[in-house]
Amino acid sequence: MQINLTGHHIDVTDALKGYVDTKFERLARHFDHVINAHVILSVEKLAQKAEATLHINGSKVFADSVHEDMYAAIDGLIDKLDRQVLRHKEKKSDHRAASPKVNEAEESDQS
């Protein structure tokens, strides 16, 4: 997964970049079809904002999080993205493929 990290009104330090990279590894464990991610870290007065757009095989997933601390905003962002990616993965899985096996097992029990 390629991660593009940009900052608006903030210097993106090596510590922030490393923190974002380690947190996005969590998403890669759940779903490996993420093509790239564009992460924007910004500061608006006292609010620290983190937002990201993930490009996943033909679709996009967007989330943002606002907090007083940038690291907490990144944590909230990853939590939201994780839920959305798992939901996307569940929708894309073929549920019909599993049902014939269940029907065959039921028919053999009835015989």
PDB file of N, CA and C in Angstrom:
ATOM      1  N   MET A   1       0.852  -1.171   0.000  1.00  0.00           N
ATOM      2  CA  MET A   1       0.000   0.000   0.000  1.00  0.00           C
ATOM      3  C   MET A   1       0.896   1.231   0.000  1.00  0.00           C
ATOM      4  N   GLN A   2       0.568   2.157  -0.885  1.00  0.00           N
ATOM      5  CA  GLN A   2       1.308   3.405  -0.974  1.00  0.00           C
ATOM      6  C   GLN A   2       0.561   4.467  -0.189  1.00  0.00           C
ATOM      7  N   ILE A   3       1.252   5.160   0.711  1.00  0.00           N
ATOM      8  CA  ILE A   3       0.635   6.183   1.550  1.00  0.00           C
ATOM      9  C   ILE A   3       1.220   7.541   1.175  1.00  0.00           C
ATOM     10  N   ASN A   4       0.349   8.446   0.715  1.00  0.00           N
ATOM     11  CA  ASN A   4       0.742   9.825   0.433  1.00  0.00           C
ATOM     12  C   ASN A   4       0.322  10.669   1.625  1.00  0.00           C
ATOM     13  N   LEU A   5       1.279  11.290   2.278  1.00  0.00           N
ATOM     14  CA  LEU A   5       1.010  12.060   3.485  1.00  0.00           C
ATOM     15  C   LEU A   5       1.326  13.527   3.227  1.00  0.00           C
ATOM     16  N   THR A   6       0.326  14.389   3.427  1.00  0.00           N
ATOM     17  CA  THR A   6       0.532  15.822   3.258  1.00  0.00           C
ATOM     18  C   THR A   6       0.060  16.548   4.506  1.00  0.00           C
ATOM     19  N   GLY A   7       0.573  17.732   4.705  1.00  0.00           N
ATOM     20  CA  GLY A   7       0.195  18.532   5.857  1.00  0.00           C
ATOM     21  C   GLY A   7      -0.218  19.926   5.436  1.00  0.00           C
ATOM     22  N   HIS A   8      -1.311  20.405   5.989  1.00  0.00           N
ATOM     23  CA  HIS A   8      -1.773  21.769   5.757  1.00  0.00           C
ATOM     24  C   HIS A   8      -1.584  22.549   7.045  1.00  0.00           C
ATOM     25  N   HIS A   9      -0.766  23.581   6.994  1.00  0.00           N
ATOM     26  CA  HIS A   9      -0.442  24.426   8.150  1.00  0.00           C
ATOM     27  C   HIS A   9       0.242  23.626   9.255  1.00  0.00           C
ATOM     28  N   ILE A  10       0.942  22.581   8.878  1.00  0.00           N
ATOM     29  CA  ILE A  10       1.666  21.752   9.847  1.00  0.00           C
ATOM     30  C   ILE A  10       2.865  21.137   9.136  1.00  0.00           C
ATOM     31  N   ASP A  11       3.968  21.021   9.861  1.00  0.00           N
ATOM     32  CA  ASP A  11       5.129  20.316   9.323  1.00  0.00           C
ATOM     33  C   ASP A  11       4.973  18.836   9.636  1.00  0.00           C
ATOM     34  N   VAL A  12       5.067  18.004   8.602  1.00  0.00           N
ATOM     35  CA  VAL A  12       4.965  16.564   8.795  1.00  0.00           C
ATOM     36  C   VAL A  12       6.347  16.059   9.204  1.00  0.00           C
ATOM     37  N   THR A  13       6.476  15.727  10.470  1.00  0.00           N
ATOM     38  CA  THR A  13       7.757  15.259  11.000  1.00  0.00           C
ATOM     39  C   THR A  13       7.908  13.762  10.753  1.00  0.00           C
ATOM     40  N   ASP A  14       9.127  13.284  10.973  1.00  0.00           N
ATOM     41  CA  ASP A  14       9.370  11.849  10.820  1.00  0.00           C
ATOM     42  C   ASP A  14       8.565  11.046  11.836  1.00  0.00           C
ATOM     43  N   ALA A  15       8.360  11.613  13.023  1.00  0.00           N
ATOM     44  CA  ALA A  15       7.582  10.923  14.048  1.00  0.00           C
ATOM     45  C   ALA A  15       6.125  10.759  13.614  1.00  0.00           C
ATOM     46  N   LEU A  16       5.540  11.813  13.045  1.00  0.00           N
ATOM     47  CA  LEU A  16       4.162  11.714  12.556  1.00  0.00           C
ATOM     48  C   LEU A  16       4.066  10.734  11.399  1.00  0.00           C
ATOM     49  N   LYS A  17       5.021  10.790  10.484  1.00  0.00           N
ATOM     50  CA  LYS A  17       5.014   9.874   9.337  1.00  0.00           C
ATOM     51  C   LYS A  17       5.144   8.431   9.806  1.00  0.00           C
ATOM     52  N   GLY A  18       6.025   8.174  10.744  1.00  0.00           N
ATOM     53  CA  GLY A  18       6.183   6.821  11.279  1.00  0.00           C
ATOM     54  C   GLY A  18       4.937   6.343  11.996  1.00  0.00           C
ATOM     55  N   TYR A  19       4.284   7.245  12.728  1.00  0.00           N
ATOM     56  CA  TYR A  19       3.060   6.885  13.449  1.00  0.00           C
ATOM     57  C   TYR A  19       1.941   6.526  12.477  1.00  0.00           C
ATOM     58  N   VAL A  20       1.791   7.311  11.418  1.00  0.00           N
ATOM     59  CA  VAL A  20       0.765   7.023  10.410  1.00  0.00           C
ATOM     60  C   VAL A  20       1.066   5.695   9.717  1.00  0.00           C
ATOM     61  N   ASP A  21       2.330   5.453   9.386  1.00  0.00           N
ATOM     62  CA  ASP A  21       2.703   4.191   8.720  1.00  0.00           C
ATOM     63  C   ASP A  21       2.384   2.979   9.592  1.00  0.00           C
ATOM     64  N   THR A  22       2.703   3.046  10.883  1.00  0.00           N
ATOM     65  CA  THR A  22       2.438   1.900  11.751  1.00  0.00           C
ATOM     66  C   THR A  22       0.945   1.689  11.948  1.00  0.00           C
ATOM     67  N   LYS A  23       0.172   2.761  11.998  1.00  0.00           N
ATOM     68  CA  LYS A  23      -1.274   2.622  12.160  1.00  0.00           C
ATOM     69  C   LYS A  23      -1.934   2.070  10.900  1.00  0.00           C
ATOM     70  N   PHE A  24      -1.436   2.424   9.730  1.00  0.00           N
ATOM     71  CA  PHE A  24      -2.021   1.919   8.490  1.00  0.00           C
ATOM     72  C   PHE A  24      -1.671   0.456   8.244  1.00  0.00           C
ATOM     73  N   GLU A  25      -0.657  -0.074   8.927  1.00  0.00           N
ATOM     74  CA  GLU A  25      -0.370  -1.503   8.842  1.00  0.00           C
ATOM     75  C   GLU A  25      -1.544  -2.322   9.369  1.00  0.00           C
ATOM     76  N   ARG A  26      -2.274  -1.754  10.339  1.00  0.00           N
ATOM     77  CA  ARG A  26      -3.458  -2.421  10.889  1.00  0.00           C
ATOM     78  C   ARG A  26      -4.510  -2.637   9.797  1.00  0.00           C
ATOM     79  N   LEU A  27      -4.689  -1.640   8.922  1.00  0.00           N
ATOM     80  CA  LEU A  27      -5.641  -1.786   7.823  1.00  0.00           C
ATOM     81  C   LEU A  27      -5.164  -2.829   6.814  1.00  0.00           C
ATOM     82  N   ALA A  28      -3.873  -2.874   6.583  1.00  0.00           N
ATOM     83  CA  ALA A  28      -3.326  -3.833   5.625  1.00  0.00           C
ATOM     84  C   ALA A  28      -3.498  -5.266   6.121  1.00  0.00           C
ATOM     85  N   ARG A  29      -3.540  -5.464   7.443  1.00  0.00           N
ATOM     86  CA  ARG A  29      -3.763  -6.818   7.978  1.00  0.00           C
ATOM     87  C   ARG A  29      -5.180  -7.302   7.693  1.00  0.00           C
ATOM     88  N   HIS A  30      -6.153  -6.376   7.766  1.00  0.00           N
ATOM     89  CA  HIS A  30      -7.542  -6.765   7.569  1.00  0.00           C
ATOM     90  C   HIS A  30      -7.907  -6.923   6.098  1.00  0.00           C
ATOM     91  N   PHE A  31      -7.352  -6.087   5.254  1.00  0.00           N
ATOM     92  CA  PHE A  31      -7.776  -6.054   3.855  1.00  0.00           C
ATOM     93  C   PHE A  31      -6.575  -5.664   3.013  1.00  0.00           C
ATOM     94  N   ASP A  32      -6.111  -6.563   2.159  1.00  0.00           N
ATOM     95  CA  ASP A  32      -4.879  -6.312   1.412  1.00  0.00           C
ATOM     96  C   ASP A  32      -5.114  -5.754   0.010  1.00  0.00           C
ATOM     97  N   HIS A  33      -6.354  -5.397  -0.343  1.00  0.00           N
ATOM     98  CA  HIS A  33      -6.650  -4.868  -1.665  1.00  0.00           C
ATOM     99  C   HIS A  33      -6.664  -3.343  -1.712  1.00  0.00           C
ATOM    100  N   VAL A  34      -6.071  -2.683  -0.731  1.00  0.00           N
ATOM    101  CA  VAL A  34      -5.977  -1.229  -0.728  1.00  0.00           C
ATOM    102  C   VAL A  34      -4.847  -0.841  -1.670  1.00  0.00           C
ATOM    103  N   ILE A  35      -5.176  -0.032  -2.676  1.00  0.00           N
ATOM    104  CA  ILE A  35      -4.183   0.348  -3.673  1.00  0.00           C
ATOM    105  C   ILE A  35      -3.296   1.462  -3.130  1.00  0.00           C
ATOM    106  N   ASN A  36      -3.914   2.570  -2.716  1.00  0.00           N
ATOM    107  CA  ASN A  36      -3.140   3.643  -2.112  1.00  0.00           C
ATOM    108  C   ASN A  36      -4.014   4.435  -1.149  1.00  0.00           C
ATOM    109  N   ALA A  37      -3.366   5.237  -0.346  1.00  0.00           N
ATOM    110  CA  ALA A  37      -4.060   6.048   0.654  1.00  0.00           C
ATOM    111  C   ALA A  37      -3.498   7.462   0.587  1.00  0.00           C
ATOM    112  N   HIS A  38      -4.386   8.430   0.637  1.00  0.00           N
ATOM    113  CA  HIS A  38      -3.981   9.833   0.673  1.00  0.00           C
ATOM    114  C   HIS A  38      -4.418  10.397   2.014  1.00  0.00           C
ATOM    115  N   VAL A  39      -3.453  10.759   2.846  1.00  0.00           N
ATOM    116  CA  VAL A  39      -3.716  11.239   4.201  1.00  0.00           C
ATOM    117  C   VAL A  39      -3.359  12.717   4.269  1.00  0.00           C
ATOM    118  N   ILE A  40      -4.287  13.512   4.822  1.00  0.00           N
ATOM    119  CA  ILE A  40      -4.059  14.941   4.986  1.00  0.00           C
ATOM    120  C   ILE A  40      -4.164  15.265   6.469  1.00  0.00           C
ATOM    121  N   LEU A  41      -3.102  15.841   7.007  1.00  0.00           N
ATOM    122  CA  LEU A  41      -3.089  16.299   8.396  1.00  0.00           C
ATOM    123  C   LEU A  41      -3.146  17.820   8.365  1.00  0.00           C
ATOM    124  N   SER A  42      -4.086  18.398   9.117  1.00  0.00           N
ATOM    125  CA  SER A  42      -4.219  19.853   9.092  1.00  0.00           C
ATOM    126  C   SER A  42      -4.518  20.393  10.485  1.00  0.00           C
ATOM    127  N   VAL A  43      -4.239  21.682  10.650  1.00  0.00           N
ATOM    128  CA  VAL A  43      -4.495  22.372  11.907  1.00  0.00           C
ATOM    129  C   VAL A  43      -5.430  23.532  11.618  1.00  0.00           C
ATOM    130  N   GLU A  44      -6.524  23.608  12.360  1.00  0.00           N
ATOM    131  CA  GLU A  44      -7.475  24.714  12.242  1.00  0.00           C
ATOM    132  C   GLU A  44      -7.697  25.277  13.641  1.00  0.00           C
ATOM    133  N   LYS A  45      -7.056  26.376  13.946  1.00  0.00           N
ATOM    134  CA  LYS A  45      -7.068  26.989  15.276  1.00  0.00           C
ATOM    135  C   LYS A  45      -6.620  25.974  16.320  1.00  0.00           C
ATOM    136  N   LEU A  46      -7.513  25.507  17.197  1.00  0.00           N
ATOM    137  CA  LEU A  46      -7.117  24.546  18.235  1.00  0.00           C
ATOM    138  C   LEU A  46      -7.425  23.106  17.853  1.00  0.00           C
ATOM    139  N   ALA A  47      -8.076  22.899  16.726  1.00  0.00           N
ATOM    140  CA  ALA A  47      -8.479  21.548  16.323  1.00  0.00           C
ATOM    141  C   ALA A  47      -7.444  20.944  15.375  1.00  0.00           C
ATOM    142  N   GLN A  48      -7.042  19.733  15.678  1.00  0.00           N
ATOM    143  CA  GLN A  48      -6.142  18.968  14.821  1.00  0.00           C
ATOM    144  C   GLN A  48      -7.020  18.023  14.003  1.00  0.00           C
ATOM    145  N   LYS A  49      -6.856  18.016  12.696  1.00  0.00           N
ATOM    146  CA  LYS A  49      -7.724  17.225  11.831  1.00  0.00           C
ATOM    147  C   LYS A  49      -6.895  16.256  11.004  1.00  0.00           C
ATOM    148  N   ALA A  50      -7.361  15.018  10.947  1.00  0.00           N
ATOM    149  CA  ALA A  50      -6.736  14.003  10.102  1.00  0.00           C
ATOM    150  C   ALA A  50      -7.824  13.441   9.199  1.00  0.00           C
ATOM    151  N   GLU A  51      -7.552  13.386   7.908  1.00  0.00           N
ATOM    152  CA  GLU A  51      -8.516  12.819   6.969  1.00  0.00           C
ATOM    153  C   GLU A  51      -7.764  11.968   5.962  1.00  0.00           C
ATOM    154  N   ALA A  52      -8.462  10.955   5.454  1.00  0.00           N
ATOM    155  CA  ALA A  52      -7.816  10.029   4.528  1.00  0.00           C
ATOM    156  C   ALA A  52      -8.816   9.526   3.504  1.00  0.00           C
ATOM    157  N   THR A  53      -8.313   9.269   2.313  1.00  0.00           N
ATOM    158  CA  THR A  53      -9.077   8.643   1.249  1.00  0.00           C
ATOM    159  C   THR A  53      -8.322   7.391   0.823  1.00  0.00           C
ATOM    160  N   LEU A  54      -8.987   6.245   0.903  1.00  0.00           N
ATOM    161  CA  LEU A  54      -8.397   4.975   0.474  1.00  0.00           C
ATOM    162  C   LEU A  54      -8.977   4.596  -0.879  1.00  0.00           C
ATOM    163  N   HIS A  55      -8.132   4.171  -1.791  1.00  0.00           N
ATOM    164  CA  HIS A  55      -8.577   3.679  -3.082  1.00  0.00           C
ATOM    165  C   HIS A  55      -8.527   2.152  -3.027  1.00  0.00           C
ATOM    166  N   ILE A  56      -9.714   1.552  -3.127  1.00  0.00           N
ATOM    167  CA  ILE A  56      -9.844   0.106  -3.035  1.00  0.00           C
ATOM    168  C   ILE A  56     -10.525  -0.392  -4.296  1.00  0.00           C
ATOM    169  N   ASN A  57      -9.887  -1.283  -5.024  1.00  0.00           N
ATOM    170  CA  ASN A  57     -10.436  -1.917  -6.221  1.00  0.00           C
ATOM    171  C   ASN A  57     -11.776  -1.365  -6.706  1.00  0.00           C
ATOM    172  N   GLY A  58     -11.753  -0.227  -7.362  1.00  0.00           N
ATOM    173  CA  GLY A  58     -12.950   0.320  -7.965  1.00  0.00           C
ATOM    174  C   GLY A  58     -13.796   1.194  -7.071  1.00  0.00           C
ATOM    175  N   SER A  59     -13.407   1.426  -5.842  1.00  0.00           N
ATOM    176  CA  SER A  59     -14.188   2.291  -4.969  1.00  0.00           C
ATOM    177  C   SER A  59     -13.248   3.102  -4.075  1.00  0.00           C
ATOM    178  N   LYS A  60     -13.843   4.088  -3.401  1.00  0.00           N
ATOM    179  CA  LYS A  60     -13.084   4.933  -2.495  1.00  0.00           C
ATOM    180  C   LYS A  60     -13.737   4.906  -1.129  1.00  0.00           C
ATOM    181  N   VAL A  61     -12.906   4.978  -0.091  1.00  0.00           N
ATOM    182  CA  VAL A  61     -13.382   5.046   1.286  1.00  0.00           C
ATOM    183  C   VAL A  61     -12.781   6.309   1.889  1.00  0.00           C
ATOM    184  N   PHE A  62     -13.636   7.159   2.480  1.00  0.00           N
ATOM    185  CA  PHE A  62     -13.179   8.411   3.059  1.00  0.00           C
ATOM    186  C   PHE A  62     -13.572   8.472   4.526  1.00  0.00           C
ATOM    187  N   ALA A  63     -12.677   9.021   5.344  1.00  0.00           N
ATOM    188  CA  ALA A  63     -12.976   9.247   6.760  1.00  0.00           C
ATOM    189  C   ALA A  63     -12.160  10.431   7.245  1.00  0.00           C
ATOM    190  N   ASP A  64     -12.677  11.090   8.277  1.00  0.00           N
ATOM    191  CA  ASP A  64     -11.918  12.158   8.900  1.00  0.00           C
ATOM    192  C   ASP A  64     -12.172  12.146  10.401  1.00  0.00           C
ATOM    193  N   SER A  65     -11.256  12.767  11.134  1.00  0.00           N
ATOM    194  CA  SER A  65     -11.352  12.807  12.580  1.00  0.00           C
ATOM    195  C   SER A  65     -10.742  14.112  13.072  1.00  0.00           C
ATOM    196  N   VAL A  66     -11.406  14.732  14.045  1.00  0.00           N
ATOM    197  CA  VAL A  66     -10.940  15.992  14.614  1.00  0.00           C
ATOM    198  C   VAL A  66     -10.758  15.805  16.111  1.00  0.00           C
ATOM    199  N   HIS A  67      -9.609  16.260  16.625  1.00  0.00           N
ATOM    200  CA  HIS A  67      -9.319  16.143  18.048  1.00  0.00           C
ATOM    201  C   HIS A  67      -8.345  17.248  18.429  1.00  0.00           C
ATOM    202  N   GLU A  68      -8.145  17.425  19.712  1.00  0.00           N
ATOM    203  CA  GLU A  68      -7.197  18.441  20.168  1.00  0.00           C
ATOM    204  C   GLU A  68      -5.754  17.995  19.987  1.00  0.00           C
ATOM    205  N   ASP A  69      -5.529  16.692  19.966  1.00  0.00           N
ATOM    206  CA  ASP A  69      -4.198  16.120  19.816  1.00  0.00           C
ATOM    207  C   ASP A  69      -4.114  15.414  18.460  1.00  0.00           C
ATOM    208  N   MET A  70      -3.035  15.643  17.712  1.00  0.00           N
ATOM    209  CA  MET A  70      -2.908  15.052  16.376  1.00  0.00           C
ATOM    210  C   MET A  70      -2.844  13.537  16.435  1.00  0.00           C
ATOM    211  N   TYR A  71      -2.153  12.990  17.422  1.00  0.00           N
ATOM    212  CA  TYR A  71      -2.048  11.531  17.528  1.00  0.00           C
ATOM    213  C   TYR A  71      -3.407  10.910  17.832  1.00  0.00           C
ATOM    214  N   ALA A  72      -4.221  11.569  18.657  1.00  0.00           N
ATOM    215  CA  ALA A  72      -5.568  11.077  18.941  1.00  0.00           C
ATOM    216  C   ALA A  72      -6.449  11.186  17.695  1.00  0.00           C
ATOM    217  N   ALA A  73      -6.259  12.228  16.895  1.00  0.00           N
ATOM    218  CA  ALA A  73      -7.013  12.372  15.651  1.00  0.00           C
ATOM    219  C   ALA A  73      -6.652  11.257  14.672  1.00  0.00           C
ATOM    220  N   ILE A  74      -5.387  10.888  14.614  1.00  0.00           N
ATOM    221  CA  ILE A  74      -4.954   9.793  13.742  1.00  0.00           C
ATOM    222  C   ILE A  74      -5.549   8.473  14.234  1.00  0.00           C
ATOM    223  N   ASP A  75      -5.557   8.253  15.559  1.00  0.00           N
ATOM    224  CA  ASP A  75      -6.165   7.043  16.114  1.00  0.00           C
ATOM    225  C   ASP A  75      -7.649   6.950  15.762  1.00  0.00           C
ATOM    226  N   GLY A  76      -8.373   8.060  15.905  1.00  0.00           N
ATOM    227  CA  GLY A  76      -9.792   8.075  15.551  1.00  0.00           C
ATOM    228  C   GLY A  76     -10.011   7.827  14.079  1.00  0.00           C
ATOM    229  N   LEU A  77      -9.146   8.376  13.247  1.00  0.00           N
ATOM    230  CA  LEU A  77      -9.224   8.162  11.803  1.00  0.00           C
ATOM    231  C   LEU A  77      -9.039   6.692  11.457  1.00  0.00           C
ATOM    232  N   ILE A  78      -8.057   6.053  12.048  1.00  0.00           N
ATOM    233  CA  ILE A  78      -7.786   4.645  11.762  1.00  0.00           C
ATOM    234  C   ILE A  78      -8.951   3.778  12.223  1.00  0.00           C
ATOM    235  N   ASP A  79      -9.545   4.094  13.377  1.00  0.00           N
ATOM    236  CA  ASP A  79     -10.706   3.333  13.850  1.00  0.00           C
ATOM    237  C   ASP A  79     -11.855   3.423  12.852  1.00  0.00           C
ATOM    238  N   LYS A  80     -12.133   4.622  12.351  1.00  0.00           N
ATOM    239  CA  LYS A  80     -13.219   4.799  11.387  1.00  0.00           C
ATOM    240  C   LYS A  80     -12.921   4.068  10.084  1.00  0.00           C
ATOM    241  N   LEU A  81     -11.693   4.198   9.594  1.00  0.00           N
ATOM    242  CA  LEU A  81     -11.319   3.522   8.354  1.00  0.00           C
ATOM    243  C   LEU A  81     -11.373   2.011   8.511  1.00  0.00           C
ATOM    244  N   ASP A  82     -10.969   1.518   9.667  1.00  0.00           N
ATOM    245  CA  ASP A  82     -10.989   0.075   9.915  1.00  0.00           C
ATOM    246  C   ASP A  82     -12.410  -0.466   9.842  1.00  0.00           C
ATOM    247  N   ARG A  83     -13.353   0.223  10.476  1.00  0.00           N
ATOM    248  CA  ARG A  83     -14.752  -0.208  10.413  1.00  0.00           C
ATOM    249  C   ARG A  83     -15.280  -0.178   8.987  1.00  0.00           C
ATOM    250  N   GLN A  84     -14.955   0.884   8.238  1.00  0.00           N
ATOM    251  CA  GLN A  84     -15.449   0.998   6.870  1.00  0.00           C
ATOM    252  C   GLN A  84     -14.833  -0.053   5.951  1.00  0.00           C
ATOM    253  N   VAL A  85     -13.552  -0.330   6.123  1.00  0.00           N
ATOM    254  CA  VAL A  85     -12.887  -1.329   5.284  1.00  0.00           C
ATOM    255  C   VAL A  85     -13.439  -2.720   5.578  1.00  0.00           C
ATOM    256  N   LEU A  86     -13.660  -3.035   6.850  1.00  0.00           N
ATOM    257  CA  LEU A  86     -14.242  -4.341   7.179  1.00  0.00           C
ATOM    258  C   LEU A  86     -15.650  -4.473   6.618  1.00  0.00           C
ATOM    259  N   ARG A  87     -16.428  -3.388   6.666  1.00  0.00           N
ATOM    260  CA  ARG A  87     -17.772  -3.425   6.104  1.00  0.00           C
ATOM    261  C   ARG A  87     -17.719  -3.598   4.589  1.00  0.00           C
ATOM    262  N   HIS A  88     -16.781  -2.919   3.931  1.00  0.00           N
ATOM    263  CA  HIS A  88     -16.603  -3.055   2.486  1.00  0.00           C
ATOM    264  C   HIS A  88     -16.184  -4.476   2.125  1.00  0.00           C
ATOM    265  N   LYS A  89     -15.303  -5.037   2.918  1.00  0.00           N
ATOM    266  CA  LYS A  89     -14.832  -6.405   2.684  1.00  0.00           C
ATOM    267  C   LYS A  89     -15.987  -7.397   2.825  1.00  0.00           C
ATOM    268  N   GLU A  90     -16.839  -7.184   3.816  1.00  0.00           N
ATOM    269  CA  GLU A  90     -17.989  -8.064   4.030  1.00  0.00           C
ATOM    270  C   GLU A  90     -18.973  -7.971   2.865  1.00  0.00           C
ATOM    271  N   LYS A  91     -19.175  -6.783   2.340  1.00  0.00           N
ATOM    272  CA  LYS A  91     -20.090  -6.608   1.214  1.00  0.00           C
ATOM    273  C   LYS A  91     -19.552  -7.282  -0.042  1.00  0.00           C
ATOM    274  N   LYS A  92     -18.253  -7.237  -0.238  1.00  0.00           N
ATOM    275  CA  LYS A  92     -17.651  -7.796  -1.441  1.00  0.00           C
ATOM    276  C   LYS A  92     -17.509  -9.319  -1.390  1.00  0.00           C
ATOM    277  N   SER A  93     -17.561  -9.911  -0.208  1.00  0.00           N
ATOM    278  CA  SER A  93     -17.413 -11.361  -0.132  1.00  0.00           C
ATOM    279  C   SER A  93     -18.652 -12.027  -0.709  1.00  0.00           C
ATOM    280  N   ASP A  94     -18.470 -13.151  -1.353  1.00  0.00           N
ATOM    281  CA  ASP A  94     -19.566 -13.860  -2.014  1.00  0.00           C
ATOM    282  C   ASP A  94     -20.238 -14.780  -1.005  1.00  0.00           C
ATOM    283  N   HIS A  95     -21.397 -14.377  -0.537  1.00  0.00           N
ATOM    284  CA  HIS A  95     -22.120 -15.164   0.453  1.00  0.00           C
ATOM    285  C   HIS A  95     -22.839 -16.353  -0.184  1.00  0.00           C
ATOM    286  N   ARG A  96     -23.113 -16.271  -1.457  1.00  0.00           N
ATOM    287  CA  ARG A  96     -23.836 -17.344  -2.137  1.00  0.00           C
ATOM    288  C   ARG A  96     -22.981 -18.590  -2.308  1.00  0.00           C
ATOM    289  N   ALA A  97     -21.693 -18.424  -2.354  1.00  0.00           N
ATOM    290  CA  ALA A  97     -20.806 -19.570  -2.542  1.00  0.00           C
ATOM    291  C   ALA A  97     -20.874 -20.517  -1.342  1.00  0.00           C
ATOM    292  N   ALA A  98     -21.152 -19.995  -0.171  1.00  0.00           N
ATOM    293  CA  ALA A  98     -21.189 -20.834   1.024  1.00  0.00           C
ATOM    294  C   ALA A  98     -22.529 -21.549   1.180  1.00  0.00           C
ATOM    295  N   SER A  99     -23.602 -21.012   0.624  1.00  0.00           N
ATOM    296  CA  SER A  99     -24.926 -21.589   0.849  1.00  0.00           C
ATOM    297  C   SER A  99     -25.133 -22.963   0.223  1.00  0.00           C
ATOM    298  N   PRO A 100     -24.613 -23.305  -0.987  1.00  0.00           N
ATOM    299  CA  PRO A 100     -24.836 -24.660  -1.506  1.00  0.00           C
ATOM    300  C   PRO A 100     -24.222 -25.745  -0.620  1.00  0.00           C
ATOM    301  N   LYS A 101     -23.114 -25.456   0.019  1.00  0.00           N
ATOM    302  CA  LYS A 101     -22.500 -26.442   0.898  1.00  0.00           C
ATOM    303  C   LYS A 101     -23.406 -26.722   2.092  1.00  0.00           C
ATOM    304  N   VAL A 102     -24.046 -25.697   2.603  1.00  0.00           N
ATOM    305  CA  VAL A 102     -24.956 -25.867   3.726  1.00  0.00           C
ATOM    306  C   VAL A 102     -26.172 -26.677   3.283  1.00  0.00           C
ATOM    307  N   ASN A 103     -26.698 -26.398   2.092  1.00  0.00           N
ATOM    308  CA  ASN A 103     -27.858 -27.134   1.585  1.00  0.00           C
ATOM    309  C   ASN A 103     -27.524 -28.601   1.348  1.00  0.00           C
ATOM    310  N   GLU A 104     -26.340 -28.906   0.844  1.00  0.00           N
ATOM    311  CA  GLU A 104     -25.939 -30.291   0.633  1.00  0.00           C
ATOM    312  C   GLU A 104     -25.844 -31.036   1.961  1.00  0.00           C
ATOM    313  N   ALA A 105     -25.339 -30.382   2.988  1.00  0.00           N
ATOM    314  CA  ALA A 105     -25.227 -31.005   4.299  1.00  0.00           C
ATOM    315  C   ALA A 105     -26.610 -31.263   4.887  1.00  0.00           C
ATOM    316  N   GLU A 106     -27.550 -30.357   4.683  1.00  0.00           N
ATOM    317  CA  GLU A 106     -28.901 -30.547   5.185  1.00  0.00           C
ATOM    318  C   GLU A 106     -29.590 -31.701   4.469  1.00  0.00           C
ATOM    319  N   GLU A 107     -29.380 -31.831   3.147  1.00  0.00           N
ATOM    320  CA  GLU A 107     -30.011 -32.912   2.380  1.00  0.00           C
ATOM    321  C   GLU A 107     -29.462 -34.274   2.800  1.00  0.00           C
ATOM    322  N   SER A 108     -28.168 -34.351   3.081  1.00  0.00           N
ATOM    323  CA  SER A 108     -27.603 -35.641   3.479  1.00  0.00           C
ATOM    324  C   SER A 108     -28.084 -36.039   4.870  1.00  0.00           C
ATOM    325  N   ASP A 109     -28.374 -35.062   5.736  1.00  0.00           N
ATOM    326  CA  ASP A 109     -28.900 -35.366   7.069  1.00  0.00           C
ATOM    327  C   ASP A 109     -30.347 -35.867   6.997  1.00  0.00           C
ATOM    328  N   GLN A 110     -31.109 -35.399   6.039  1.00  0.00           N
ATOM    329  CA  GLN A 110     -32.509 -35.776   5.909  1.00  0.00           C
ATOM    330  C   GLN A 110     -32.666 -37.170   5.312  1.00  0.00           C
ATOM    331  N   SER A 111     -31.685 -37.649   4.582  1.00  0.00           N
ATOM    332  CA  SER A 111     -31.789 -38.961   3.916  1.00  0.00           C
ATOM    333  C   SER A 111     -31.714 -40.118   4.872  1.00  0.00           C
TER     334      SER A 111
END
